[in-house]
Amino acid sequence: MRQIVLDTETTGIDPNQGHRIIEIGCVELINRKLTGRHYHQYINPDREVEQGAIDVHGITNEFLADKPLFRAVADDFLAFVDGAELVIHNAPFDVGFINHEFRMLADGKRNIETYCGIVDTLALARAKHPGQKNNLDALCKRYGVDNSQRDLHGALLDAEILADVYLLMTGGQEALSFASASEKKDTGGKQGIRRLNANRAALPVVQADAAELAAHQQKLEKLQKVSGACLWLQTGE
């Protein structure tokens, strides 16, 4: 299964008011594992970025002045996501902007939903954690995902963070790391493969003694008496 975790940054909130996409960030998952492939592009929106939006993502009009227009990158973007399932936090927002950009091209591109499936992680989070905050920062805190570099919003960084959150929220453990804090510091936060020494000592196997087995049996019998059923006692495990 190929999934693309996607985020965008924009000039403002509503495409119906002429706002445009200025950044797209995507990371690829195959069978729930990060592949290392990504798509990242800044885009000249051919209009001013609102100050309120700049306060959120820090992307200025001056920075975007020499970036390509959307029409110059649209085919490459679509080629990267085509046929995948898009994983997006608050999907209606990003999908609405992408579809608006496609319509402005007038080259026959259809809505993104005709090329890709859509998973809205905000809807998933609200169903899983009703009545709680479910923005990306809140989910990072809830699932222990490091977002310390997220001083400002950024499409690629947010897509990478969302990938970790999505895997953890939907039951995957691919984002968990066994690297120590010092190892992360030494590698600039990048985590590599840690290979164990083939000549390491075997782990000891400690068997329960008679007293421990008896105490365990007593515990199971107590559970049986209190609850009326004890699966382990019934199966002899």
C-alpha atoms as a PDB file:
ATOM      1  CA  MET A   1       0.000   0.000   0.000  1.00  0.00           C
ATOM      2  CA  ARG A   2       1.438   3.374  -1.038  1.00  0.00           C
ATOM      3  CA  GLN A   3       0.518   6.403   1.046  1.00  0.00           C
ATOM      4  CA  ILE A   4       1.674  10.002   0.760  1.00  0.00           C
ATOM      5  CA  VAL A   5       1.579  12.166   3.885  1.00  0.00           C
ATOM      6  CA  LEU A   6       0.942  15.681   2.580  1.00  0.00           C
ATOM      7  CA  ASP A   7       0.831  19.230   3.879  1.00  0.00           C
ATOM      8  CA  THR A   8       0.596  22.639   2.242  1.00  0.00           C
ATOM      9  CA  GLU A   9       1.210  26.247   3.226  1.00  0.00           C
ATOM     10  CA  THR A  10      -0.835  29.016   1.633  1.00  0.00           C
ATOM     11  CA  THR A  11      -1.194  32.777   1.233  1.00  0.00           C
ATOM     12  CA  GLY A  12      -4.339  32.792   3.369  1.00  0.00           C
ATOM     13  CA  ILE A  13      -7.256  30.703   4.517  1.00  0.00           C
ATOM     14  CA  ASP A  14      -9.800  30.600   1.680  1.00  0.00           C
ATOM     15  CA  PRO A  15      -9.061  29.719  -1.966  1.00  0.00           C
ATOM     16  CA  ASN A  16     -12.427  31.177  -2.915  1.00  0.00           C
ATOM     17  CA  GLN A  17     -10.968  34.567  -1.958  1.00  0.00           C
ATOM     18  CA  GLY A  18      -8.082  34.072  -4.369  1.00  0.00           C
ATOM     19  CA  HIS A  19      -5.585  32.564  -1.943  1.00  0.00           C
ATOM     20  CA  ARG A  20      -2.982  30.199  -3.359  1.00  0.00           C
ATOM     21  CA  ILE A  21      -0.587  27.416  -2.377  1.00  0.00           C
ATOM     22  CA  ILE A  22       2.992  28.529  -1.669  1.00  0.00           C
ATOM     23  CA  GLU A  23       4.527  25.264  -0.397  1.00  0.00           C
ATOM     24  CA  ILE A  24       3.831  21.549  -0.789  1.00  0.00           C
ATOM     25  CA  GLY A  25       5.534  18.884   1.315  1.00  0.00           C
ATOM     26  CA  CYS A  26       5.028  15.133   0.883  1.00  0.00           C
ATOM     27  CA  VAL A  27       6.655  12.026   2.364  1.00  0.00           C
ATOM     28  CA  GLU A  28       6.111   8.503   1.086  1.00  0.00           C
ATOM     29  CA  LEU A  29       4.985   5.460   3.069  1.00  0.00           C
ATOM     30  CA  ILE A  30       4.883   1.975   1.584  1.00  0.00           C
ATOM     31  CA  ASN A  31       3.234  -0.690   3.691  1.00  0.00           C
ATOM     32  CA  ARG A  32       3.323   1.759   6.634  1.00  0.00           C
ATOM     33  CA  LYS A  33       7.084   2.307   6.419  1.00  0.00           C
ATOM     34  CA  LEU A  34       8.838   5.547   5.509  1.00  0.00           C
ATOM     35  CA  THR A  35      10.785   5.043   2.280  1.00  0.00           C
ATOM     36  CA  GLY A  36      12.868   8.229   2.405  1.00  0.00           C
ATOM     37  CA  ARG A  37      11.292   9.516  -0.819  1.00  0.00           C
ATOM     38  CA  HIS A  38       9.692  12.920  -0.614  1.00  0.00           C
ATOM     39  CA  TYR A  39       8.371  15.780  -2.722  1.00  0.00           C
ATOM     40  CA  HIS A  40       8.977  19.365  -1.634  1.00  0.00           C
ATOM     41  CA  GLN A  41       8.336  22.550  -3.565  1.00  0.00           C
ATOM     42  CA  TYR A  42       8.004  26.261  -2.838  1.00  0.00           C
ATOM     43  CA  ILE A  43       5.679  28.065  -5.258  1.00  0.00           C
ATOM     44  CA  ASN A  44       5.298  31.673  -6.377  1.00  0.00           C
ATOM     45  CA  PRO A  45       1.573  32.370  -5.792  1.00  0.00           C
ATOM     46  CA  ASP A  46       1.477  35.350  -8.173  1.00  0.00           C
ATOM     47  CA  ARG A  47      -0.117  37.400  -5.393  1.00  0.00           C
ATOM     48  CA  GLU A  48       0.733  38.783  -1.971  1.00  0.00           C
ATOM     49  CA  VAL A  49       0.973  36.531   1.091  1.00  0.00           C
ATOM     50  CA  GLU A  50      -1.176  37.850   3.943  1.00  0.00           C
ATOM     51  CA  GLN A  51       0.724  38.971   7.032  1.00  0.00           C
ATOM     52  CA  GLY A  52      -1.350  36.660   9.202  1.00  0.00           C
ATOM     53  CA  ALA A  53      -0.198  33.723   7.104  1.00  0.00           C
ATOM     54  CA  ILE A  54       3.426  34.868   7.247  1.00  0.00           C
ATOM     55  CA  ASP A  55       3.143  34.962  11.042  1.00  0.00           C
ATOM     56  CA  VAL A  56       2.182  31.263  10.935  1.00  0.00           C
ATOM     57  CA  HIS A  57       4.690  29.847   8.435  1.00  0.00           C
ATOM     58  CA  GLY A  58       7.318  32.585   8.058  1.00  0.00           C
ATOM     59  CA  ILE A  59       7.358  32.377   4.241  1.00  0.00           C
ATOM     60  CA  THR A  60       7.674  35.893   2.847  1.00  0.00           C
ATOM     61  CA  ASN A  61       6.802  37.456  -0.483  1.00  0.00           C
ATOM     62  CA  GLU A  62      10.483  38.209  -1.069  1.00  0.00           C
ATOM     63  CA  PHE A  63      11.450  34.568  -0.564  1.00  0.00           C
ATOM     64  CA  LEU A  64       8.834  33.384  -3.064  1.00  0.00           C
ATOM     65  CA  ALA A  65       9.631  35.942  -5.768  1.00  0.00           C
ATOM     66  CA  ASP A  66      11.965  33.647  -7.742  1.00  0.00           C
ATOM     67  CA  LYS A  67      10.090  30.389  -7.152  1.00  0.00           C
ATOM     68  CA  PRO A  68       8.187  28.638  -9.997  1.00  0.00           C
ATOM     69  CA  LEU A  69       4.474  29.159 -10.578  1.00  0.00           C
ATOM     70  CA  PHE A  70       2.151  26.258  -9.779  1.00  0.00           C
ATOM     71  CA  ARG A  71       1.590  25.495 -13.461  1.00  0.00           C
ATOM     72  CA  ALA A  72       5.308  24.763 -13.815  1.00  0.00           C
ATOM     73  CA  VAL A  73       5.310  22.112 -11.075  1.00  0.00           C
ATOM     74  CA  ALA A  74       1.784  20.700 -11.310  1.00  0.00           C
ATOM     75  CA  ASP A  75       2.684  17.707 -13.485  1.00  0.00           C
ATOM     76  CA  ASP A  76       5.616  16.666 -11.281  1.00  0.00           C
ATOM     77  CA  PHE A  77       3.472  16.975  -8.161  1.00  0.00           C
ATOM     78  CA  LEU A  78       0.649  14.916  -9.650  1.00  0.00           C
ATOM     79  CA  ALA A  79       3.100  12.277 -10.891  1.00  0.00           C
ATOM     80  CA  PHE A  80       4.439  11.870  -7.351  1.00  0.00           C
ATOM     81  CA  VAL A  81       1.033  11.436  -5.665  1.00  0.00           C
ATOM     82  CA  ASP A  82      -0.953   9.742  -8.444  1.00  0.00           C
ATOM     83  CA  GLY A  83      -2.533   6.480  -7.312  1.00  0.00           C
ATOM     84  CA  ALA A  84      -1.525   6.873  -3.668  1.00  0.00           C
ATOM     85  CA  GLU A  85      -3.659   7.380  -0.593  1.00  0.00           C
ATOM     86  CA  LEU A  86      -3.101  10.913   0.716  1.00  0.00           C
ATOM     87  CA  VAL A  87      -2.818  11.272   4.493  1.00  0.00           C
ATOM     88  CA  ILE A  88      -3.632  14.870   5.435  1.00  0.00           C
ATOM     89  CA  HIS A  89      -4.447  16.646   8.696  1.00  0.00           C
ATOM     90  CA  ASN A  90      -7.649  18.626   8.126  1.00  0.00           C
ATOM     91  CA  ALA A  91      -7.869  17.275   4.595  1.00  0.00           C
ATOM     92  CA  PRO A  92     -10.694  19.552   3.343  1.00  0.00           C
ATOM     93  CA  PHE A  93      -8.367  22.553   3.678  1.00  0.00           C
ATOM     94  CA  ASP A  94      -5.464  21.150   1.618  1.00  0.00           C
ATOM     95  CA  VAL A  95      -7.705  19.319  -0.851  1.00  0.00           C
ATOM     96  CA  GLY A  96      -9.689  22.499  -1.440  1.00  0.00           C
ATOM     97  CA  PHE A  97      -6.531  24.438  -2.272  1.00  0.00           C
ATOM     98  CA  ILE A  98      -5.124  21.706  -4.533  1.00  0.00           C
ATOM     99  CA  ASN A  99      -8.401  21.447  -6.453  1.00  0.00           C
ATOM    100  CA  HIS A 100      -8.523  25.247  -6.777  1.00  0.00           C
ATOM    101  CA  GLU A 101      -5.026  25.233  -8.276  1.00  0.00           C
ATOM    102  CA  PHE A 102      -5.966  22.431 -10.693  1.00  0.00           C
ATOM    103  CA  ARG A 103      -9.070  24.328 -11.839  1.00  0.00           C
ATOM    104  CA  MET A 104      -7.007  27.448 -12.511  1.00  0.00           C
ATOM    105  CA  LEU A 105      -4.756  25.482 -14.864  1.00  0.00           C
ATOM    106  CA  ALA A 106      -7.646  24.775 -17.250  1.00  0.00           C
ATOM    107  CA  ASP A 107      -5.657  21.894 -18.769  1.00  0.00           C
ATOM    108  CA  GLY A 108      -8.097  19.099 -18.019  1.00  0.00           C
ATOM    109  CA  LYS A 109      -6.829  18.121 -14.566  1.00  0.00           C
ATOM    110  CA  ARG A 110      -9.623  16.814 -12.384  1.00  0.00           C
ATOM    111  CA  ASN A 111     -10.044  17.055  -8.610  1.00  0.00           C
ATOM    112  CA  ILE A 112      -7.275  15.343  -6.668  1.00  0.00           C
ATOM    113  CA  GLU A 113      -9.792  12.818  -5.289  1.00  0.00           C
ATOM    114  CA  THR A 114     -10.038  11.260  -8.764  1.00  0.00           C
ATOM    115  CA  TYR A 115      -6.321  10.417  -8.651  1.00  0.00           C
ATOM    116  CA  CYS A 116      -5.866   9.615  -4.958  1.00  0.00           C
ATOM    117  CA  GLY A 117      -7.654   8.301  -1.921  1.00  0.00           C
ATOM    118  CA  ILE A 118      -7.911  10.700   1.021  1.00  0.00           C
ATOM    119  CA  VAL A 119      -7.437   9.997   4.745  1.00  0.00           C
ATOM    120  CA  ASP A 120      -8.166  12.890   7.106  1.00  0.00           C
ATOM    121  CA  THR A 121      -6.109  12.417  10.281  1.00  0.00           C
ATOM    122  CA  LEU A 122      -8.033  15.201  12.020  1.00  0.00           C
ATOM    123  CA  ALA A 123     -11.253  13.216  11.584  1.00  0.00           C
ATOM    124  CA  LEU A 124      -9.452  10.065  12.805  1.00  0.00           C
ATOM    125  CA  ALA A 125      -8.115  11.917  15.854  1.00  0.00           C
ATOM    126  CA  ARG A 126     -11.522  13.383  16.732  1.00  0.00           C
ATOM    127  CA  ALA A 127     -13.090   9.924  16.582  1.00  0.00           C
ATOM    128  CA  LYS A 128     -10.299   8.440  18.697  1.00  0.00           C
ATOM    129  CA  HIS A 129     -10.017  11.330  21.169  1.00  0.00           C
ATOM    130  CA  PRO A 130     -13.431  13.043  21.347  1.00  0.00           C
ATOM    131  CA  GLY A 131     -13.604  16.267  23.311  1.00  0.00           C
ATOM    132  CA  GLN A 132      -9.817  16.775  23.277  1.00  0.00           C
ATOM    133  CA  LYS A 133      -7.511  19.051  21.328  1.00  0.00           C
ATOM    134  CA  ASN A 134      -6.524  17.304  18.123  1.00  0.00           C
ATOM    135  CA  ASN A 135      -4.311  19.790  16.317  1.00  0.00           C
ATOM    136  CA  LEU A 136      -0.885  18.520  15.262  1.00  0.00           C
ATOM    137  CA  ASP A 137       0.931  19.932  18.286  1.00  0.00           C
ATOM    138  CA  ALA A 138      -1.576  18.329  20.680  1.00  0.00           C
ATOM    139  CA  LEU A 139      -1.220  14.969  18.910  1.00  0.00           C
ATOM    140  CA  CYS A 140       2.576  15.206  19.070  1.00  0.00           C
ATOM    141  CA  LYS A 141       2.339  15.671  22.827  1.00  0.00           C
ATOM    142  CA  ARG A 142      -0.174  12.843  23.181  1.00  0.00           C
ATOM    143  CA  TYR A 143       1.877  10.349  21.173  1.00  0.00           C
ATOM    144  CA  GLY A 144       5.343  11.486  22.240  1.00  0.00           C
ATOM    145  CA  VAL A 145       6.423  12.745  18.809  1.00  0.00           C
ATOM    146  CA  ASP A 146       9.246  15.300  18.880  1.00  0.00           C
ATOM    147  CA  ASN A 147       8.059  18.597  17.392  1.00  0.00           C
ATOM    148  CA  SER A 148      10.672  20.791  19.074  1.00  0.00           C
ATOM    149  CA  GLN A 149      11.817  22.137  15.683  1.00  0.00           C
ATOM    150  CA  ARG A 150       8.296  23.294  14.799  1.00  0.00           C
ATOM    151  CA  ASP A 151       8.623  26.956  15.779  1.00  0.00           C
ATOM    152  CA  LEU A 152       6.839  27.836  12.535  1.00  0.00           C
ATOM    153  CA  HIS A 153       4.658  25.732  10.275  1.00  0.00           C
ATOM    154  CA  GLY A 154       6.414  24.228   7.259  1.00  0.00           C
ATOM    155  CA  ALA A 155       4.879  21.817   4.770  1.00  0.00           C
ATOM    156  CA  LEU A 156       7.683  19.235   4.613  1.00  0.00           C
ATOM    157  CA  LEU A 157       8.444  19.292   8.341  1.00  0.00           C
ATOM    158  CA  ASP A 158       4.741  19.043   9.183  1.00  0.00           C
ATOM    159  CA  ALA A 159       4.330  16.130   6.747  1.00  0.00           C
ATOM    160  CA  GLU A 160       7.239  14.303   8.399  1.00  0.00           C
ATOM    161  CA  ILE A 161       5.795  14.916  11.872  1.00  0.00           C
ATOM    162  CA  LEU A 162       2.309  13.885  10.743  1.00  0.00           C
ATOM    163  CA  ALA A 163       3.703  10.633   9.336  1.00  0.00           C
ATOM    164  CA  ASP A 164       5.004   9.706  12.807  1.00  0.00           C
ATOM    165  CA  VAL A 165       1.727  10.732  14.450  1.00  0.00           C
ATOM    166  CA  TYR A 166      -0.347   8.806  11.908  1.00  0.00           C
ATOM    167  CA  LEU A 167       1.638   5.591  12.327  1.00  0.00           C
ATOM    168  CA  LEU A 168       1.363   5.757  16.108  1.00  0.00           C
ATOM    169  CA  MET A 169      -2.290   6.819  16.134  1.00  0.00           C
ATOM    170  CA  THR A 170      -3.298   3.964  13.837  1.00  0.00           C
ATOM    171  CA  GLY A 171      -1.372   1.325  15.746  1.00  0.00           C
ATOM    172  CA  GLY A 172       1.984   1.232  13.966  1.00  0.00           C
ATOM    173  CA  GLN A 173       5.294   1.399  15.825  1.00  0.00           C
ATOM    174  CA  GLU A 174       7.535   2.276  12.893  1.00  0.00           C
ATOM    175  CA  ALA A 175       8.203   5.755  14.319  1.00  0.00           C
ATOM    176  CA  LEU A 176       9.591   4.503  17.632  1.00  0.00           C
ATOM    177  CA  SER A 177      13.335   4.813  18.099  1.00  0.00           C
ATOM    178  CA  PHE A 178      15.791   3.067  20.404  1.00  0.00           C
ATOM    179  CA  ALA A 179      18.524   5.629  19.799  1.00  0.00           C
ATOM    180  CA  SER A 180      19.802   7.359  22.917  1.00  0.00           C
ATOM    181  CA  ALA A 181      19.655  11.105  23.381  1.00  0.00           C
ATOM    182  CA  SER A 182      23.447  11.347  22.984  1.00  0.00           C
ATOM    183  CA  GLU A 183      23.325   9.384  19.721  1.00  0.00           C
ATOM    184  CA  LYS A 184      20.664  11.704  18.335  1.00  0.00           C
ATOM    185  CA  LYS A 185      22.771  14.702  19.317  1.00  0.00           C
ATOM    186  CA  ASP A 186      25.898  13.266  17.716  1.00  0.00           C
ATOM    187  CA  THR A 187      24.090  12.626  14.428  1.00  0.00           C
ATOM    188  CA  GLY A 188      22.299  15.961  14.325  1.00  0.00           C
ATOM    189  CA  GLY A 189      18.979  14.331  15.169  1.00  0.00           C
ATOM    190  CA  LYS A 190      19.178  11.862  12.280  1.00  0.00           C
ATOM    191  CA  GLN A 191      18.661   8.258  13.263  1.00  0.00           C
ATOM    192  CA  GLY A 192      20.514   5.450  11.505  1.00  0.00           C
ATOM    193  CA  ILE A 193      20.510   1.686  11.834  1.00  0.00           C
ATOM    194  CA  ARG A 194      22.069   0.398  15.063  1.00  0.00           C
ATOM    195  CA  ARG A 195      23.679  -2.991  14.548  1.00  0.00           C
ATOM    196  CA  LEU A 196      24.296  -5.240  17.553  1.00  0.00           C
ATOM    197  CA  ASN A 197      27.615  -6.961  18.104  1.00  0.00           C
ATOM    198  CA  ALA A 198      27.364 -10.520  16.780  1.00  0.00           C
ATOM    199  CA  ASN A 199      29.673 -11.704  19.609  1.00  0.00           C
ATOM    200  CA  ARG A 200      27.562 -10.211  22.386  1.00  0.00           C
ATOM    201  CA  ALA A 201      26.743 -12.402  25.393  1.00  0.00           C
ATOM    202  CA  ALA A 202      23.487 -14.344  25.234  1.00  0.00           C
ATOM    203  CA  LEU A 203      20.648 -12.988  27.323  1.00  0.00           C
ATOM    204  CA  PRO A 204      20.059 -15.089  30.458  1.00  0.00           C
ATOM    205  CA  VAL A 205      16.817 -17.067  30.740  1.00  0.00           C
ATOM    206  CA  VAL A 206      15.511 -16.976  34.308  1.00  0.00           C
ATOM    207  CA  GLN A 207      12.938 -19.619  35.205  1.00  0.00           C
ATOM    208  CA  ALA A 208      10.369 -19.072  37.946  1.00  0.00           C
ATOM    209  CA  ASP A 209      11.087 -21.098  41.088  1.00  0.00           C
ATOM    210  CA  ALA A 210       8.538 -23.202  42.993  1.00  0.00           C
ATOM    211  CA  ALA A 211       7.569 -20.389  45.373  1.00  0.00           C
ATOM    212  CA  GLU A 212       6.979 -17.970  42.489  1.00  0.00           C
ATOM    213  CA  LEU A 213       4.895 -20.528  40.612  1.00  0.00           C
ATOM    214  CA  ALA A 214       2.792 -21.131  43.711  1.00  0.00           C
ATOM    215  CA  ALA A 215       2.278 -17.392  44.223  1.00  0.00           C
ATOM    216  CA  HIS A 216       1.252 -17.055  40.587  1.00  0.00           C
ATOM    217  CA  GLN A 217      -1.282 -19.873  40.944  1.00  0.00           C
ATOM    218  CA  GLN A 218      -2.752 -18.227  44.044  1.00  0.00           C
ATOM    219  CA  LYS A 219      -3.118 -14.960  42.141  1.00  0.00           C
ATOM    220  CA  LEU A 220      -4.957 -16.677  39.322  1.00  0.00           C
ATOM    221  CA  GLU A 221      -7.296 -18.426  41.755  1.00  0.00           C
ATOM    222  CA  LYS A 222      -8.028 -15.071  43.413  1.00  0.00           C
ATOM    223  CA  LEU A 223      -8.870 -13.542  40.032  1.00  0.00           C
ATOM    224  CA  GLN A 224     -11.136 -16.511  39.325  1.00  0.00           C
ATOM    225  CA  LYS A 225     -12.952 -16.025  42.621  1.00  0.00           C
ATOM    226  CA  VAL A 226     -13.374 -12.241  42.259  1.00  0.00           C
ATOM    227  CA  SER A 227     -14.331 -12.062  38.590  1.00  0.00           C
ATOM    228  CA  GLY A 228     -15.900 -15.450  38.056  1.00  0.00           C
ATOM    229  CA  ALA A 229     -13.561 -16.203  35.160  1.00  0.00           C
ATOM    230  CA  CYS A 230      -9.819 -16.372  34.618  1.00  0.00           C
ATOM    231  CA  LEU A 231      -8.666 -17.243  31.120  1.00  0.00           C
ATOM    232  CA  TRP A 232      -5.150 -18.232  32.164  1.00  0.00           C
ATOM    233  CA  LEU A 233      -6.393 -20.500  34.954  1.00  0.00           C
ATOM    234  CA  GLN A 234      -8.906 -22.190  32.654  1.00  0.00           C
ATOM    235  CA  THR A 235      -6.328 -22.885  29.958  1.00  0.00           C
ATOM    236  CA  GLY A 236      -3.605 -23.872  32.371  1.00  0.00           C
ATOM    237  CA  GLU A 237      -1.258 -21.110  31.175  1.00  0.00           C
END
